Amino acid sequence: MYAVIAHSGQQFRLSEGDELVLDRIQAEAGSTIDITEVLLIGGDKTKVGNPTVKGAKVTLEVLGDELGEKRSTFKYRARKRTRVGKGFRPSLTRVKVAKIKG
């Protein structure tokens, strides 16, 4: 059984036991989160939402917070002598799929 969820403007295909890295979620490590924005549930019988599947939810277990890869930006303006380089590391949360209910 698998599910397609929408979170933070992105869509993810998940199965039970999968680990996933999402944008930072305000939750303690070891707690659980329920995602009700389930777009599709697949397996023996496929359910497609319009736009979401009614009564379906995915339970995620929070494993912890981490920082992502460094992303760098560079702004350059020709003939203006402007060169600005910046970088940042996005805040992420690692979760594990505990249960898919459809």
N, C-alpha and C. Protein backbone atom coordinates (compact mmCIF):
# COMPACT_ATOMS: atom_id res chain seq x y z
N MET A 1 0.85 -1.17 0.00
CA MET A 1 0.00 0.00 0.00
C MET A 1 0.89 1.24 0.00
N TYR A 2 0.53 2.24 -0.79
CA TYR A 2 1.27 3.48 -0.84
C TYR A 2 0.30 4.64 -0.90
N ALA A 3 0.82 5.83 -0.64
CA ALA A 3 0.00 7.03 -0.65
C ALA A 3 0.80 8.17 -1.26
N VAL A 4 0.09 9.12 -1.85
CA VAL A 4 0.69 10.35 -2.35
C VAL A 4 0.11 11.48 -1.51
N ILE A 5 1.01 12.22 -0.83
CA ILE A 5 0.56 13.32 0.04
C ILE A 5 1.10 14.63 -0.50
N ALA A 6 0.46 15.72 -0.09
CA ALA A 6 0.93 17.06 -0.40
C ALA A 6 1.36 17.72 0.90
N HIS A 7 2.57 18.28 0.90
CA HIS A 7 3.08 18.96 2.09
C HIS A 7 4.04 20.06 1.65
N SER A 8 3.84 21.26 2.11
CA SER A 8 4.71 22.41 1.81
C SER A 8 4.85 22.67 0.32
N GLY A 9 3.76 22.50 -0.43
CA GLY A 9 3.80 22.77 -1.85
C GLY A 9 4.46 21.69 -2.68
N GLN A 10 4.76 20.54 -2.10
CA GLN A 10 5.38 19.43 -2.80
C GLN A 10 4.52 18.19 -2.63
N GLN A 11 4.70 17.22 -3.52
CA GLN A 11 3.98 15.95 -3.43
C GLN A 11 4.99 14.83 -3.23
N PHE A 12 4.64 13.87 -2.37
CA PHE A 12 5.53 12.77 -2.04
C PHE A 12 4.78 11.45 -2.15
N ARG A 13 5.44 10.42 -2.70
CA ARG A 13 4.89 9.07 -2.76
C ARG A 13 5.53 8.28 -1.63
N LEU A 14 4.71 7.73 -0.72
CA LEU A 14 5.19 7.09 0.49
C LEU A 14 4.64 5.68 0.63
N SER A 15 5.41 4.84 1.29
CA SER A 15 4.96 3.53 1.75
C SER A 15 5.27 3.45 3.24
N GLU A 16 4.66 2.50 3.94
CA GLU A 16 4.93 2.37 5.36
C GLU A 16 6.39 1.99 5.58
N GLY A 17 7.03 2.66 6.55
CA GLY A 17 8.42 2.41 6.86
C GLY A 17 9.40 3.31 6.13
N ASP A 18 8.94 4.09 5.16
CA ASP A 18 9.83 5.00 4.42
C ASP A 18 10.25 6.17 5.31
N GLU A 19 11.48 6.64 5.09
CA GLU A 19 11.95 7.85 5.74
C GLU A 19 11.90 8.98 4.73
N LEU A 20 11.60 10.17 5.22
CA LEU A 20 11.38 11.31 4.35
C LEU A 20 11.92 12.56 5.01
N VAL A 21 12.44 13.49 4.21
CA VAL A 21 12.93 14.77 4.73
C VAL A 21 12.00 15.86 4.23
N LEU A 22 11.36 16.56 5.17
CA LEU A 22 10.40 17.63 4.87
C LEU A 22 10.95 18.96 5.35
N ASP A 23 10.29 20.05 4.93
CA ASP A 23 10.61 21.36 5.49
C ASP A 23 10.34 21.32 6.99
N ARG A 24 10.96 22.22 7.74
CA ARG A 24 10.91 22.21 9.19
C ARG A 24 9.47 22.18 9.70
N ILE A 25 9.20 21.23 10.59
CA ILE A 25 7.91 21.08 11.25
C ILE A 25 8.13 21.35 12.73
N GLN A 26 7.27 22.13 13.34
CA GLN A 26 7.39 22.44 14.76
C GLN A 26 6.86 21.26 15.57
N ALA A 27 7.72 20.26 15.79
CA ALA A 27 7.33 19.08 16.56
C ALA A 27 8.56 18.50 17.24
N GLU A 28 8.35 17.88 18.38
CA GLU A 28 9.42 17.25 19.13
C GLU A 28 9.82 15.92 18.48
N ALA A 29 11.05 15.52 18.66
CA ALA A 29 11.49 14.21 18.17
C ALA A 29 10.76 13.12 18.96
N GLY A 30 10.24 12.13 18.25
CA GLY A 30 9.49 11.05 18.89
C GLY A 30 7.98 11.25 18.85
N SER A 31 7.53 12.45 18.52
CA SER A 31 6.09 12.69 18.44
C SER A 31 5.56 12.25 17.07
N THR A 32 4.24 12.26 16.93
CA THR A 32 3.62 11.85 15.67
C THR A 32 2.82 13.02 15.09
N ILE A 33 2.71 13.00 13.76
CA ILE A 33 1.98 14.03 13.03
C ILE A 33 1.03 13.33 12.08
N ASP A 34 -0.20 13.81 11.98
CA ASP A 34 -1.17 13.26 11.03
C ASP A 34 -1.29 14.20 9.84
N ILE A 35 -1.11 13.68 8.64
CA ILE A 35 -1.27 14.42 7.40
C ILE A 35 -2.60 13.98 6.79
N THR A 36 -3.53 14.92 6.62
CA THR A 36 -4.84 14.59 6.07
C THR A 36 -4.95 14.97 4.60
N GLU A 37 -3.95 15.63 4.06
CA GLU A 37 -3.96 16.04 2.66
C GLU A 37 -3.40 14.90 1.80
N VAL A 38 -4.17 13.82 1.69
CA VAL A 38 -3.79 12.63 0.94
C VAL A 38 -4.44 12.71 -0.44
N LEU A 39 -3.64 12.72 -1.49
CA LEU A 39 -4.16 12.89 -2.84
C LEU A 39 -4.53 11.57 -3.50
N LEU A 40 -3.84 10.49 -3.14
CA LEU A 40 -4.08 9.19 -3.77
C LEU A 40 -3.64 8.09 -2.83
N ILE A 41 -4.39 7.00 -2.82
CA ILE A 41 -4.00 5.80 -2.08
C ILE A 41 -4.00 4.66 -3.08
N GLY A 42 -2.88 3.96 -3.17
CA GLY A 42 -2.75 2.88 -4.13
C GLY A 42 -2.49 1.56 -3.43
N GLY A 43 -2.64 0.50 -4.17
CA GLY A 43 -2.45 -0.85 -3.66
C GLY A 43 -3.33 -1.78 -4.44
N ASP A 44 -4.08 -2.65 -3.74
CA ASP A 44 -5.02 -3.54 -4.41
C ASP A 44 -6.12 -2.75 -5.11
N LYS A 45 -6.63 -1.74 -4.42
CA LYS A 45 -7.67 -0.89 -4.97
C LYS A 45 -7.21 0.57 -4.85
N THR A 46 -7.16 1.27 -5.95
CA THR A 46 -6.66 2.64 -5.96
C THR A 46 -7.81 3.62 -5.71
N LYS A 47 -7.55 4.57 -4.81
CA LYS A 47 -8.51 5.64 -4.52
C LYS A 47 -7.85 6.96 -4.91
N VAL A 48 -8.53 7.71 -5.75
CA VAL A 48 -8.03 9.00 -6.20
C VAL A 48 -8.91 10.08 -5.59
N GLY A 49 -8.28 11.09 -5.01
CA GLY A 49 -9.01 12.16 -4.36
C GLY A 49 -9.48 13.22 -5.33
N ASN A 50 -10.44 14.00 -4.87
CA ASN A 50 -10.95 15.08 -5.69
C ASN A 50 -11.15 16.31 -4.81
N PRO A 51 -10.21 17.05 -4.35
CA PRO A 51 -8.77 16.92 -4.56
C PRO A 51 -8.10 15.98 -3.56
N THR A 52 -8.74 15.67 -2.41
CA THR A 52 -8.14 14.75 -1.45
C THR A 52 -9.06 13.57 -1.21
N VAL A 53 -8.49 12.47 -0.71
CA VAL A 53 -9.27 11.27 -0.39
C VAL A 53 -9.92 11.49 0.98
N LYS A 54 -11.24 11.37 1.04
CA LYS A 54 -11.96 11.60 2.30
C LYS A 54 -11.69 10.47 3.28
N GLY A 55 -11.41 10.85 4.53
CA GLY A 55 -11.19 9.87 5.59
C GLY A 55 -9.80 9.26 5.60
N ALA A 56 -8.95 9.64 4.67
CA ALA A 56 -7.60 9.07 4.61
C ALA A 56 -6.63 9.95 5.39
N LYS A 57 -5.65 9.32 6.02
CA LYS A 57 -4.61 10.07 6.70
C LYS A 57 -3.33 9.24 6.76
N VAL A 58 -2.23 9.93 6.84
CA VAL A 58 -0.91 9.31 6.95
C VAL A 58 -0.31 9.78 8.26
N THR A 59 0.13 8.84 9.09
CA THR A 59 0.74 9.16 10.37
C THR A 59 2.25 9.10 10.21
N LEU A 60 2.91 10.20 10.57
CA LEU A 60 4.36 10.32 10.46
C LEU A 60 4.96 10.41 11.86
N GLU A 61 6.07 9.73 12.07
CA GLU A 61 6.80 9.80 13.33
C GLU A 61 8.02 10.69 13.13
N VAL A 62 8.17 11.70 13.96
CA VAL A 62 9.27 12.66 13.82
C VAL A 62 10.54 12.03 14.39
N LEU A 63 11.60 11.99 13.56
CA LEU A 63 12.87 11.43 14.00
C LEU A 63 13.81 12.51 14.51
N GLY A 64 13.72 13.72 13.97
CA GLY A 64 14.57 14.81 14.44
C GLY A 64 14.74 15.90 13.40
N ASP A 65 15.40 16.98 13.82
CA ASP A 65 15.66 18.11 12.94
C ASP A 65 17.09 18.04 12.42
N GLU A 66 17.32 18.63 11.26
CA GLU A 66 18.66 18.67 10.68
C GLU A 66 18.76 19.85 9.73
N LEU A 67 19.97 20.12 9.30
CA LEU A 67 20.21 21.17 8.32
C LEU A 67 20.52 20.52 6.98
N GLY A 68 20.04 21.14 5.91
CA GLY A 68 20.24 20.60 4.57
C GLY A 68 21.58 21.02 3.99
N GLU A 69 21.79 20.68 2.73
CA GLU A 69 22.99 21.08 2.01
C GLU A 69 23.02 22.60 1.87
N LYS A 70 24.23 23.17 1.85
CA LYS A 70 24.36 24.60 1.71
C LYS A 70 23.95 25.03 0.30
N ARG A 71 23.11 26.06 0.23
CA ARG A 71 22.69 26.63 -1.04
C ARG A 71 23.31 28.01 -1.14
N SER A 72 23.91 28.29 -2.28
CA SER A 72 24.54 29.59 -2.44
C SER A 72 23.85 30.38 -3.55
N THR A 73 23.78 31.67 -3.34
CA THR A 73 23.21 32.57 -4.33
C THR A 73 24.27 33.60 -4.68
N PHE A 74 24.23 34.07 -5.90
CA PHE A 74 25.19 35.08 -6.35
C PHE A 74 24.47 36.07 -7.23
N LYS A 75 24.57 37.33 -6.87
CA LYS A 75 23.92 38.39 -7.63
C LYS A 75 25.02 39.23 -8.28
N TYR A 76 24.90 39.43 -9.58
CA TYR A 76 25.90 40.16 -10.33
C TYR A 76 25.21 41.14 -11.25
N ARG A 77 25.64 42.39 -11.19
CA ARG A 77 25.09 43.41 -12.09
C ARG A 77 26.24 43.95 -12.93
N ALA A 78 26.15 43.75 -14.22
CA ALA A 78 27.20 44.19 -15.13
C ALA A 78 27.29 45.72 -15.13
N ARG A 79 28.47 46.23 -15.23
CA ARG A 79 28.79 47.66 -15.33
C ARG A 79 28.40 48.44 -14.07
N LYS A 80 28.03 47.79 -13.00
CA LYS A 80 27.66 48.49 -11.77
C LYS A 80 28.62 48.18 -10.62
N ARG A 81 29.56 47.27 -10.87
CA ARG A 81 30.52 46.82 -9.84
C ARG A 81 29.80 46.24 -8.62
N THR A 82 28.74 45.53 -8.86
CA THR A 82 27.98 44.91 -7.78
C THR A 82 28.10 43.40 -7.87
N ARG A 83 28.67 42.82 -6.84
CA ARG A 83 28.78 41.37 -6.76
C ARG A 83 28.47 40.99 -5.31
N VAL A 84 27.40 40.24 -5.11
CA VAL A 84 26.99 39.85 -3.77
C VAL A 84 26.81 38.34 -3.73
N GLY A 85 27.53 37.69 -2.85
CA GLY A 85 27.40 36.25 -2.68
C GLY A 85 26.86 35.94 -1.30
N LYS A 86 25.84 35.12 -1.23
CA LYS A 86 25.26 34.73 0.05
C LYS A 86 24.99 33.24 0.03
N GLY A 87 24.78 32.66 1.19
CA GLY A 87 24.45 31.26 1.27
C GLY A 87 23.63 30.97 2.51
N PHE A 88 22.93 29.84 2.49
CA PHE A 88 22.17 29.44 3.67
C PHE A 88 21.99 27.94 3.65
N ARG A 89 21.66 27.38 4.79
CA ARG A 89 21.35 25.95 4.92
C ARG A 89 19.92 25.84 5.39
N PRO A 90 19.04 25.19 4.61
CA PRO A 90 17.63 25.12 5.00
C PRO A 90 17.42 24.21 6.22
N SER A 91 16.45 24.57 7.05
CA SER A 91 16.08 23.76 8.21
C SER A 91 15.10 22.68 7.76
N LEU A 92 15.40 21.43 8.09
CA LEU A 92 14.61 20.29 7.64
C LEU A 92 14.22 19.42 8.83
N THR A 93 13.22 18.58 8.63
CA THR A 93 12.79 17.60 9.63
C THR A 93 12.74 16.23 8.98
N ARG A 94 13.38 15.24 9.60
CA ARG A 94 13.35 13.87 9.11
C ARG A 94 12.21 13.13 9.80
N VAL A 95 11.35 12.49 8.99
CA VAL A 95 10.20 11.75 9.51
C VAL A 95 10.18 10.34 8.94
N LYS A 96 9.45 9.46 9.61
CA LYS A 96 9.26 8.08 9.17
C LYS A 96 7.77 7.81 9.09
N VAL A 97 7.35 7.13 8.02
CA VAL A 97 5.93 6.82 7.85
C VAL A 97 5.56 5.67 8.77
N ALA A 98 4.67 5.93 9.72
CA ALA A 98 4.27 4.91 10.68
C ALA A 98 3.05 4.13 10.18
N LYS A 99 2.05 4.83 9.62
CA LYS A 99 0.82 4.17 9.23
C LYS A 99 0.12 4.93 8.13
N ILE A 100 -0.47 4.19 7.19
CA ILE A 100 -1.29 4.76 6.14
C ILE A 100 -2.70 4.23 6.32
N LYS A 101 -3.66 5.14 6.54
CA LYS A 101 -5.04 4.73 6.72
C LYS A 101 -5.86 5.25 5.55
N GLY A 102 -6.54 4.35 4.88
CA GLY A 102 -7.30 4.77 3.71
C GLY A 102 -8.67 4.25 3.77
